[in-house]
């Protein structure tokens, strides 16, 4: 998305390990279309699931995301 010009990346001034991502004008223009596509995808993938099942999936995906984030932070910390 950076190469396509929808997002620009800047280093954080206080912590150079952090990259800040910002939508460009082109990114703002396509954002509504991407949101609609995302909502359609969520509706399709959860079509035959109960609310409890969807909740459980969200809990599990958040745990997975935390694991990945923690691992990335460990890797960044070990390279300093």
N, C-alpha and C. Protein backbone atom coordinates (compact mmCIF):
# COMPACT_ATOMS: atom_id res chain seq x y z
N UNK A 1 0.82 -1.18 0.00
CA UNK A 1 0.00 0.00 0.00
C UNK A 1 0.87 1.26 0.00
N UNK A 2 2.05 1.14 0.58
CA UNK A 2 2.98 2.27 0.55
C UNK A 2 3.43 2.51 -0.88
N UNK A 3 3.84 1.43 -1.56
CA UNK A 3 4.30 1.55 -2.93
C UNK A 3 3.21 2.03 -3.87
N UNK A 4 1.96 1.71 -3.52
CA UNK A 4 0.83 2.14 -4.36
C UNK A 4 0.43 3.59 -4.07
N UNK A 5 1.00 4.18 -3.03
CA UNK A 5 0.72 5.57 -2.72
C UNK A 5 -0.49 5.81 -1.84
N UNK A 6 -0.99 4.75 -1.19
CA UNK A 6 -2.16 4.91 -0.33
C UNK A 6 -1.77 5.22 1.12
N UNK A 7 -0.56 4.87 1.47
CA UNK A 7 -0.06 5.07 2.84
C UNK A 7 1.34 5.64 2.75
N UNK A 8 1.66 6.53 3.68
CA UNK A 8 3.06 6.98 3.78
C UNK A 8 3.58 6.57 5.16
N UNK A 9 4.87 6.27 5.21
CA UNK A 9 5.51 5.78 6.43
C UNK A 9 6.54 6.79 6.88
N UNK A 10 6.49 7.11 8.18
CA UNK A 10 7.47 8.02 8.77
C UNK A 10 8.00 7.41 10.06
N UNK A 11 9.28 7.60 10.32
CA UNK A 11 9.87 7.15 11.57
C UNK A 11 9.38 8.05 12.70
N UNK A 12 9.12 7.45 13.85
CA UNK A 12 8.75 8.22 15.03
C UNK A 12 9.95 9.05 15.47
N UNK A 13 9.72 10.31 15.79
CA UNK A 13 10.83 11.19 16.15
C UNK A 13 11.46 10.81 17.49
N UNK A 14 10.66 10.30 18.42
CA UNK A 14 11.18 9.95 19.74
C UNK A 14 11.76 8.54 19.80
N UNK A 15 11.18 7.63 19.04
CA UNK A 15 11.64 6.25 19.05
C UNK A 15 11.78 5.78 17.60
N UNK A 16 13.00 5.79 17.09
CA UNK A 16 13.26 5.50 15.68
C UNK A 16 12.93 4.05 15.30
N UNK A 17 12.66 3.20 16.28
CA UNK A 17 12.27 1.81 15.97
C UNK A 17 10.84 1.75 15.46
N UNK A 18 10.07 2.79 15.75
CA UNK A 18 8.65 2.80 15.43
C UNK A 18 8.42 3.49 14.08
N UNK A 19 7.65 2.84 13.24
CA UNK A 19 7.22 3.45 11.98
C UNK A 19 5.77 3.88 12.14
N UNK A 20 5.48 5.12 11.85
CA UNK A 20 4.12 5.64 11.88
C UNK A 20 3.56 5.57 10.47
N UNK A 21 2.33 5.10 10.34
CA UNK A 21 1.68 4.98 9.04
C UNK A 21 0.54 5.99 8.95
N UNK A 22 0.46 6.68 7.82
CA UNK A 22 -0.57 7.70 7.60
C UNK A 22 -1.21 7.48 6.24
N UNK A 23 -2.53 7.66 6.20
CA UNK A 23 -3.22 7.61 4.92
C UNK A 23 -2.87 8.83 4.08
N UNK A 24 -2.65 8.61 2.81
CA UNK A 24 -2.48 9.72 1.87
C UNK A 24 -3.87 10.11 1.37
N UNK A 25 -3.93 11.15 0.56
CA UNK A 25 -5.21 11.55 -0.03
C UNK A 25 -5.79 10.39 -0.85
N UNK A 26 -4.94 9.71 -1.60
CA UNK A 26 -5.40 8.56 -2.40
C UNK A 26 -5.93 7.47 -1.48
N UNK A 27 -5.30 7.27 -0.34
CA UNK A 27 -5.76 6.28 0.64
C UNK A 27 -7.12 6.64 1.21
N UNK A 28 -7.30 7.93 1.49
CA UNK A 28 -8.60 8.39 2.01
C UNK A 28 -9.71 8.17 0.98
N UNK A 29 -9.36 8.31 -0.29
CA UNK A 29 -10.37 8.13 -1.34
C UNK A 29 -10.83 6.68 -1.46
N UNK A 30 -9.92 5.71 -1.27
CA UNK A 30 -10.32 4.32 -1.41
C UNK A 30 -10.77 3.68 -0.10
N UNK A 31 -10.59 4.37 1.02
CA UNK A 31 -10.95 3.80 2.32
C UNK A 31 -12.40 3.33 2.40
N UNK A 32 -13.38 4.13 1.96
CA UNK A 32 -14.77 3.64 2.05
C UNK A 32 -15.00 2.35 1.26
N UNK A 33 -14.40 2.24 0.10
CA UNK A 33 -14.54 1.03 -0.70
C UNK A 33 -13.93 -0.17 0.01
N UNK A 34 -12.75 0.03 0.63
CA UNK A 34 -12.10 -1.05 1.38
C UNK A 34 -12.94 -1.46 2.58
N UNK A 35 -13.54 -0.48 3.26
CA UNK A 35 -14.39 -0.79 4.40
C UNK A 35 -15.59 -1.61 3.97
N UNK A 36 -16.22 -1.23 2.87
CA UNK A 36 -17.36 -2.00 2.37
C UNK A 36 -16.96 -3.43 2.03
N UNK A 37 -15.81 -3.58 1.37
CA UNK A 37 -15.32 -4.91 1.02
C UNK A 37 -15.04 -5.73 2.27
N UNK A 38 -14.45 -5.11 3.28
CA UNK A 38 -14.16 -5.79 4.54
C UNK A 38 -15.46 -6.26 5.20
N UNK A 39 -16.46 -5.39 5.26
CA UNK A 39 -17.73 -5.75 5.88
C UNK A 39 -18.41 -6.89 5.12
N UNK A 40 -18.33 -6.86 3.80
CA UNK A 40 -18.89 -7.95 3.00
C UNK A 40 -18.18 -9.27 3.31
N UNK A 41 -16.88 -9.21 3.43
CA UNK A 41 -16.10 -10.40 3.75
C UNK A 41 -16.46 -10.95 5.13
N UNK A 42 -16.60 -10.07 6.11
CA UNK A 42 -16.99 -10.50 7.45
C UNK A 42 -18.37 -11.15 7.41
N UNK A 43 -19.30 -10.53 6.69
CA UNK A 43 -20.65 -11.10 6.58
C UNK A 43 -20.63 -12.48 5.93
N UNK A 44 -19.82 -12.64 4.91
CA UNK A 44 -19.73 -13.93 4.22
C UNK A 44 -19.12 -14.99 5.14
N UNK A 45 -18.03 -14.64 5.81
CA UNK A 45 -17.31 -15.63 6.62
C UNK A 45 -18.03 -16.00 7.90
N UNK A 46 -18.92 -15.14 8.37
CA UNK A 46 -19.64 -15.43 9.62
C UNK A 46 -21.11 -15.78 9.39
N UNK A 47 -21.49 -15.96 8.16
CA UNK A 47 -22.89 -16.15 7.76
C UNK A 47 -23.60 -17.23 8.57
N UNK A 48 -23.02 -18.38 8.75
CA UNK A 48 -23.68 -19.50 9.42
C UNK A 48 -23.18 -19.72 10.84
N UNK A 49 -22.62 -18.69 11.44
CA UNK A 49 -22.11 -18.81 12.80
C UNK A 49 -23.04 -18.09 13.78
N UNK A 50 -23.13 -18.63 14.97
CA UNK A 50 -23.92 -17.96 16.01
C UNK A 50 -23.13 -16.78 16.56
N UNK A 51 -23.80 -15.93 17.31
CA UNK A 51 -23.10 -14.80 17.94
C UNK A 51 -22.02 -15.30 18.88
N UNK A 52 -22.29 -16.38 19.60
CA UNK A 52 -21.30 -16.95 20.52
C UNK A 52 -20.07 -17.44 19.75
N UNK A 53 -20.29 -18.04 18.61
CA UNK A 53 -19.17 -18.52 17.80
C UNK A 53 -18.34 -17.36 17.27
N UNK A 54 -19.01 -16.32 16.82
CA UNK A 54 -18.29 -15.13 16.34
C UNK A 54 -17.49 -14.51 17.47
N UNK A 55 -18.09 -14.42 18.65
CA UNK A 55 -17.37 -13.89 19.82
C UNK A 55 -16.14 -14.72 20.12
N UNK A 56 -16.27 -16.05 20.08
CA UNK A 56 -15.15 -16.94 20.36
C UNK A 56 -14.03 -16.75 19.34
N UNK A 57 -14.40 -16.60 18.08
CA UNK A 57 -13.41 -16.37 17.03
C UNK A 57 -12.65 -15.07 17.30
N UNK A 58 -13.37 -14.02 17.66
CA UNK A 58 -12.73 -12.73 17.95
C UNK A 58 -11.77 -12.84 19.13
N UNK A 59 -12.17 -13.58 20.15
CA UNK A 59 -11.29 -13.79 21.31
C UNK A 59 -10.02 -14.51 20.86
N UNK A 60 -10.17 -15.56 20.08
CA UNK A 60 -9.00 -16.32 19.61
C UNK A 60 -8.11 -15.49 18.70
N UNK A 61 -8.71 -14.73 17.79
CA UNK A 61 -7.91 -13.90 16.89
C UNK A 61 -7.15 -12.82 17.66
N UNK A 62 -7.77 -12.27 18.70
CA UNK A 62 -7.07 -11.29 19.53
C UNK A 62 -5.90 -11.92 20.27
N UNK A 63 -6.06 -13.15 20.73
CA UNK A 63 -4.95 -13.86 21.38
C UNK A 63 -3.81 -14.09 20.38
N UNK A 64 -4.17 -14.49 19.17
CA UNK A 64 -3.17 -14.71 18.13
C UNK A 64 -2.44 -13.40 17.83
N UNK A 65 -3.18 -12.32 17.67
CA UNK A 65 -2.58 -11.02 17.41
C UNK A 65 -1.63 -10.61 18.54
N UNK A 66 -2.04 -10.83 19.78
CA UNK A 66 -1.17 -10.50 20.93
C UNK A 66 0.12 -11.32 20.87
N UNK A 67 0.01 -12.62 20.55
CA UNK A 67 1.20 -13.46 20.45
C UNK A 67 2.16 -12.93 19.39
N UNK A 68 1.63 -12.57 18.24
CA UNK A 68 2.46 -12.06 17.15
C UNK A 68 3.10 -10.73 17.55
N UNK A 69 2.30 -9.85 18.15
CA UNK A 69 2.80 -8.54 18.59
C UNK A 69 3.89 -8.71 19.64
N UNK A 70 3.65 -9.58 20.62
CA UNK A 70 4.65 -9.82 21.66
C UNK A 70 5.95 -10.36 21.07
N UNK A 71 5.81 -11.28 20.13
CA UNK A 71 7.00 -11.86 19.48
C UNK A 71 7.78 -10.79 18.73
N UNK A 72 7.06 -9.94 18.02
CA UNK A 72 7.73 -8.87 17.27
C UNK A 72 8.45 -7.93 18.23
N UNK A 73 7.81 -7.59 19.34
CA UNK A 73 8.44 -6.71 20.33
C UNK A 73 9.69 -7.34 20.91
N UNK A 74 9.64 -8.66 21.17
CA UNK A 74 10.81 -9.38 21.66
C UNK A 74 11.95 -9.32 20.65
N UNK A 75 11.61 -9.51 19.37
CA UNK A 75 12.63 -9.47 18.34
C UNK A 75 13.26 -8.08 18.23
N UNK A 76 12.44 -7.04 18.31
CA UNK A 76 12.94 -5.67 18.24
C UNK A 76 13.81 -5.37 19.44
N UNK A 77 13.39 -5.81 20.63
CA UNK A 77 14.15 -5.56 21.86
C UNK A 77 15.50 -6.26 21.84
N UNK A 78 15.55 -7.44 21.22
CA UNK A 78 16.79 -8.21 21.18
C UNK A 78 17.77 -7.68 20.14
N UNK A 79 17.33 -6.81 19.24
CA UNK A 79 18.25 -6.28 18.24
C UNK A 79 18.86 -4.95 18.66
N UNK A 80 18.42 -4.43 19.81
CA UNK A 80 18.96 -3.14 20.27
C UNK A 80 20.30 -3.28 20.91
